[in-house]
Protein backbone atom coordinates (compact mmCIF):
# COMPACT_ATOMS: atom_id res chain seq x y z
CA UNK A 1 0.00 0.00 0.00
CA UNK A 2 1.40 3.40 -1.03
CA UNK A 3 1.50 6.04 1.69
CA UNK A 4 -0.81 9.03 1.17
CA UNK A 5 0.84 12.43 1.64
CA UNK A 6 -0.45 15.85 2.66
CA UNK A 7 -3.20 15.64 0.03
CA UNK A 8 -5.04 13.23 2.35
CA UNK A 9 -6.66 16.32 3.88
CA UNK A 10 -8.67 16.85 0.69
CA UNK A 11 -9.50 13.16 0.44
CA UNK A 12 -10.94 13.11 3.95
CA UNK A 13 -12.94 16.27 3.17
CA UNK A 14 -14.24 14.50 0.07
CA UNK A 15 -15.19 11.44 2.12
CA UNK A 16 -17.05 13.59 4.64
CA UNK A 17 -18.76 15.67 1.96
CA UNK A 18 -19.99 12.64 0.02
CA UNK A 19 -21.20 10.98 3.24
CA UNK A 20 -23.13 14.07 4.32
CA UNK A 21 -24.62 14.31 0.83
CA UNK A 22 -25.72 10.68 0.98
CA UNK A 23 -27.40 11.13 4.35
CA UNK A 24 -29.13 14.30 3.12
CA UNK A 25 -30.47 12.56 0.00
CA UNK A 26 -31.71 9.61 2.08
CA UNK A 27 -33.58 12.08 4.28
CA UNK A 28 -35.05 13.85 1.26
CA UNK A 29 -36.28 10.55 -0.13
CA UNK A 30 -38.18 9.51 2.99
CA UNK A 31 -41.91 9.37 2.36
CA UNK A 32 -41.61 9.21 -1.44
CA UNK A 33 -43.90 6.39 -2.55
CA UNK A 34 -44.14 6.91 -6.31
CA UNK A 35 -41.88 4.31 -7.93
CA UNK A 36 -40.84 6.55 -10.84
CA UNK A 37 -39.90 9.35 -8.45
CA UNK A 38 -38.01 6.90 -6.27
CA UNK A 39 -35.69 6.18 -9.20
CA UNK A 40 -34.20 9.67 -8.95
CA UNK A 41 -33.54 9.27 -5.22
CA UNK A 42 -32.11 5.76 -5.52
CA UNK A 43 -29.75 6.70 -8.36
CA UNK A 44 -28.56 9.89 -6.66
CA UNK A 45 -28.01 8.13 -3.32
CA UNK A 46 -25.90 5.46 -5.03
CA UNK A 47 -23.81 8.15 -6.74
CA UNK A 48 -22.66 9.74 -3.48
CA UNK A 49 -22.46 6.42 -1.63
CA UNK A 50 -20.04 5.00 -4.20
CA UNK A 51 -18.06 8.25 -4.23
CA UNK A 52 -17.82 8.27 -0.41
CA UNK A 53 -16.46 4.71 -0.44
CA UNK A 54 -13.88 5.50 -3.12
CA UNK A 55 -12.75 8.65 -1.33
CA UNK A 56 -12.32 6.59 1.83
CA UNK A 57 -10.18 4.15 -0.16
CA UNK A 58 -8.00 7.00 -1.41
CA UNK A 59 -7.76 8.65 2.02
CA UNK A 60 -6.51 5.41 3.57
CA UNK A 61 -3.99 4.77 0.80
CA UNK A 62 -5.60 1.62 -0.62
CA UNK A 63 -6.87 3.38 -3.74
CA UNK A 64 -3.40 4.63 -4.67
CA UNK A 65 -0.70 3.17 -6.90
CA UNK A 66 2.48 4.43 -8.56
CA UNK A 67 3.50 4.55 -12.22
CA UNK A 68 7.03 5.13 -13.48
CA UNK A 69 7.05 7.61 -16.38
CA UNK A 70 10.58 8.17 -17.58
CA UNK A 71 12.60 9.16 -14.54
CA UNK A 72 9.52 10.28 -12.60
CA UNK A 73 7.34 8.28 -10.22
CA UNK A 74 3.71 9.40 -10.35
CA UNK A 75 1.12 8.75 -7.65
CA UNK A 76 -2.06 7.58 -9.41
CA UNK A 77 -5.37 7.33 -7.56
CA UNK A 78 -6.94 4.39 -9.40
CA UNK A 79 -9.92 4.54 -7.02
CA UNK A 80 -10.85 7.85 -8.63
CA UNK A 81 -11.45 6.05 -11.93
CA UNK A 82 -13.32 3.25 -10.14
CA UNK A 83 -15.56 5.99 -8.74
CA UNK A 84 -16.12 7.66 -12.10
CA UNK A 85 -16.85 4.47 -14.06
CA UNK A 86 -19.88 3.83 -11.81
CA UNK A 87 -21.02 7.32 -10.78
CA UNK A 88 -20.82 9.20 -14.09
CA UNK A 89 -23.17 6.78 -15.93
CA UNK A 90 -25.60 7.16 -13.01
CA UNK A 91 -25.40 10.96 -13.30
CA UNK A 92 -26.19 10.66 -16.99
CA UNK A 93 -29.06 8.31 -16.19
CA UNK A 94 -30.53 10.95 -13.87
CA UNK A 95 -30.33 13.49 -16.70
CA UNK A 96 -31.77 11.03 -19.21
CA UNK A 97 -34.72 10.14 -16.97
CA UNK A 98 -35.36 13.83 -16.37
CA UNK A 99 -35.40 14.44 -20.12
CA UNK A 100 -37.55 11.40 -20.86
CA UNK A 101 -34.84 10.01 -23.14
CA UNK A 102 -35.33 6.84 -25.15
CA UNK A 103 -33.30 3.67 -24.61
CA UNK A 104 -31.02 4.25 -27.59
CA UNK A 105 -29.98 7.66 -26.32
CA UNK A 106 -29.33 6.30 -22.83
CA UNK A 107 -27.27 3.41 -24.22
CA UNK A 108 -25.21 5.78 -26.37
CA UNK A 109 -24.50 8.13 -23.46
CA UNK A 110 -23.51 5.32 -21.09
CA UNK A 111 -21.36 3.63 -23.74
CA UNK A 112 -19.46 6.84 -24.52
CA UNK A 113 -19.07 7.56 -20.83
CA UNK A 114 -17.59 4.16 -19.96
CA UNK A 115 -15.25 4.43 -22.97
CA UNK A 116 -14.20 7.90 -21.78
CA UNK A 117 -13.35 6.69 -18.26
CA UNK A 118 -11.63 3.51 -19.50
CA UNK A 119 -9.37 5.42 -21.88
CA UNK A 120 -8.69 7.97 -19.15
CA UNK A 121 -7.53 5.15 -16.89
CA UNK A 122 -5.28 3.83 -19.65
CA UNK A 123 -3.78 7.33 -19.90
CA UNK A 124 -3.18 7.42 -16.14
CA UNK A 125 -1.45 4.02 -16.08
CA UNK A 126 0.54 4.36 -19.34
CA UNK A 127 4.31 4.55 -18.60
CA UNK A 128 5.13 6.34 -21.88
CA UNK A 129 4.60 10.12 -21.61
CA UNK A 130 3.66 10.53 -25.29
CA UNK A 131 1.14 7.72 -25.18
CA UNK A 132 -0.33 9.15 -21.97
CA UNK A 133 -1.20 12.35 -23.83
CA UNK A 134 -2.55 10.33 -26.77
CA UNK A 135 -4.96 8.39 -24.55
CA UNK A 136 -5.93 11.60 -22.75
CA UNK A 137 -6.84 13.04 -26.14
CA UNK A 138 -8.95 9.99 -27.00
CA UNK A 139 -10.74 10.21 -23.65
CA UNK A 140 -11.34 13.94 -24.09
CA UNK A 141 -12.70 13.29 -27.58
CA UNK A 142 -15.24 10.86 -26.11
CA UNK A 143 -16.22 13.51 -23.58
CA UNK A 144 -16.84 16.07 -26.32
CA UNK A 145 -18.99 13.57 -28.24
CA UNK A 146 -20.95 12.85 -25.06
CA UNK A 147 -21.53 16.55 -24.38
CA UNK A 148 -22.65 17.01 -28.00
CA UNK A 149 -25.41 14.48 -27.39
CA UNK A 150 -26.40 16.26 -24.18
CA UNK A 151 -26.72 19.57 -26.03
CA UNK A 152 -28.34 18.08 -29.12
CA UNK A 153 -30.32 14.86 -28.78
CA UNK A 154 -31.12 14.99 -25.08
CA UNK A 155 -32.01 18.69 -25.12
CA UNK A 156 -34.40 18.03 -28.01
CA UNK A 157 -36.06 15.11 -26.22
CA UNK A 158 -36.74 17.20 -23.11
CA UNK A 159 -38.81 19.66 -25.16
CA UNK A 160 -41.85 17.39 -24.68
CA UNK A 161 -41.63 17.91 -20.91
CA UNK A 162 -43.23 20.46 -18.60
CA UNK A 163 -41.55 23.91 -18.58
CA UNK A 164 -40.27 23.46 -15.01
CA UNK A 165 -38.72 20.11 -15.93
CA UNK A 166 -37.06 21.69 -18.96
CA UNK A 167 -35.66 24.45 -16.77
CA UNK A 168 -34.26 21.98 -14.23
CA UNK A 169 -32.78 19.86 -17.00
CA UNK A 170 -31.08 22.89 -18.56
CA UNK A 171 -29.57 23.87 -15.20
CA UNK A 172 -28.23 20.37 -14.52
CA UNK A 173 -27.03 19.91 -18.10
CA UNK A 174 -25.11 23.19 -18.03
CA UNK A 175 -23.64 22.39 -14.61
CA UNK A 176 -22.54 18.98 -15.84
CA UNK A 177 -21.00 20.38 -19.02
CA UNK A 178 -18.98 23.06 -17.26
CA UNK A 179 -17.71 20.76 -14.50
CA UNK A 180 -16.94 17.80 -16.77
CA UNK A 181 -14.97 20.01 -19.16
CA UNK A 182 -12.75 21.03 -16.25
CA UNK A 183 -11.72 17.43 -15.44
CA UNK A 184 -9.43 16.92 -18.46
CA UNK A 185 -7.97 20.39 -17.88
CA UNK A 186 -7.02 19.53 -14.29
CA UNK A 187 -5.67 16.17 -15.50
CA UNK A 188 -3.41 17.59 -18.20
CA UNK A 189 -2.14 20.43 -15.98
CA UNK A 190 -1.57 18.17 -12.97
CA UNK A 191 0.86 15.40 -12.18
CA UNK A 192 -1.03 12.77 -14.19
CA UNK A 193 -0.57 14.79 -17.38
CA UNK A 194 3.16 15.04 -16.52
CA UNK A 195 3.08 18.83 -17.07
CA UNK A 196 3.00 19.37 -13.32
CA UNK A 197 1.71 22.95 -13.24
CA UNK A 198 -0.65 21.69 -10.52
CA UNK A 199 1.25 19.70 -7.87
CA UNK A 200 -0.43 16.59 -6.46
CA UNK A 201 -1.71 18.48 -3.40
CA UNK A 202 -3.65 21.04 -5.44
CA UNK A 203 -4.58 18.54 -8.14
CA UNK A 204 -6.26 16.41 -5.45
CA UNK A 205 -8.02 19.48 -4.07
CA UNK A 206 -9.29 20.46 -7.53
CA UNK A 207 -10.65 16.98 -8.28
CA UNK A 208 -12.33 16.88 -4.86
CA UNK A 209 -14.10 20.21 -5.43
CA UNK A 210 -15.20 19.10 -8.91
CA UNK A 211 -16.45 15.76 -7.56
CA UNK A 212 -18.45 17.33 -4.73
CA UNK A 213 -19.97 19.88 -7.11
CA UNK A 214 -20.75 17.29 -9.82
CA UNK A 215 -22.30 14.79 -7.40
CA UNK A 216 -23.58 16.45 -4.20
CA UNK A 217 -24.29 19.78 -5.90
CA UNK A 218 -26.02 18.02 -8.81
CA UNK A 219 -28.07 15.88 -6.43
CA UNK A 220 -29.11 18.84 -4.31
CA UNK A 221 -30.42 20.71 -7.36
CA UNK A 222 -32.16 17.61 -8.72
CA UNK A 223 -33.94 16.55 -5.53
CA UNK A 224 -34.83 19.92 -4.03
CA UNK A 225 -38.32 20.01 -5.61
CA UNK A 226 -40.59 16.99 -5.40
CA UNK A 227 -43.18 18.82 -7.50
CA UNK A 228 -40.80 19.03 -10.47
CA UNK A 229 -39.73 15.39 -10.05
CA UNK A 230 -43.38 14.36 -10.03
CA UNK A 231 -43.85 16.06 -13.40
CA UNK A 232 -40.64 14.46 -14.66
CA UNK A 233 -41.93 11.03 -13.64
CA UNK A 234 -44.82 11.26 -16.11
CA UNK A 235 -44.08 8.92 -19.04
CA UNK A 236 -43.45 10.48 -22.46
CA UNK A 237 -43.70 9.06 -25.93
CA UNK A 238 -39.92 9.42 -26.38
CA UNK A 239 -39.13 7.38 -23.33
CA UNK A 240 -41.14 4.44 -24.58
CA UNK A 241 -39.78 4.51 -28.12
């Protein structure tokens, strides 16, 4: 097990933040009996629960490994990718359910997302600096394709929804786009991208802030109004196509 350094402070804050978010979402979901509405609560609770567990792994040093790149030894938090490969598809599923997306759209989003995280992990574990950047580029390309679907296909499908649902979707979509675009920037500027403008301490802090915003912040905005979720739970023609 690799020893965690000073950046453990941010990992423990992340663990605490995700745990508090989970408990809050559980409390918000109490008394919800509609099965379609329950889907939003169940998915969102799993997002922060998984993230809390992975942050605990990283904080205790179990979710950390080292990769030799040239004459440099990089600390790589593999548990971060284990977090993302489960939680990001769930975040997209929340957005898709809110929009009333059809199965093909959901499958495309999830497939692109898993490919994005998998290629990002390859980039993180690749010992050749040039190939690391190549795989980062492939992963970032998948992200851009995914965001294109969010702006295009998914935004079109939500047009059949109530105005309040459309407004909530737009807010969450824009939040997701802005935050997710920052991830590859932090990666390439940090130690994993070998540029090293951001040292590991601040790289870890940046990822933690992004994770809390993209998961707890997203969940808070999604679950704050049961009235809007009730409207979103009404089946649409697109969702059954």
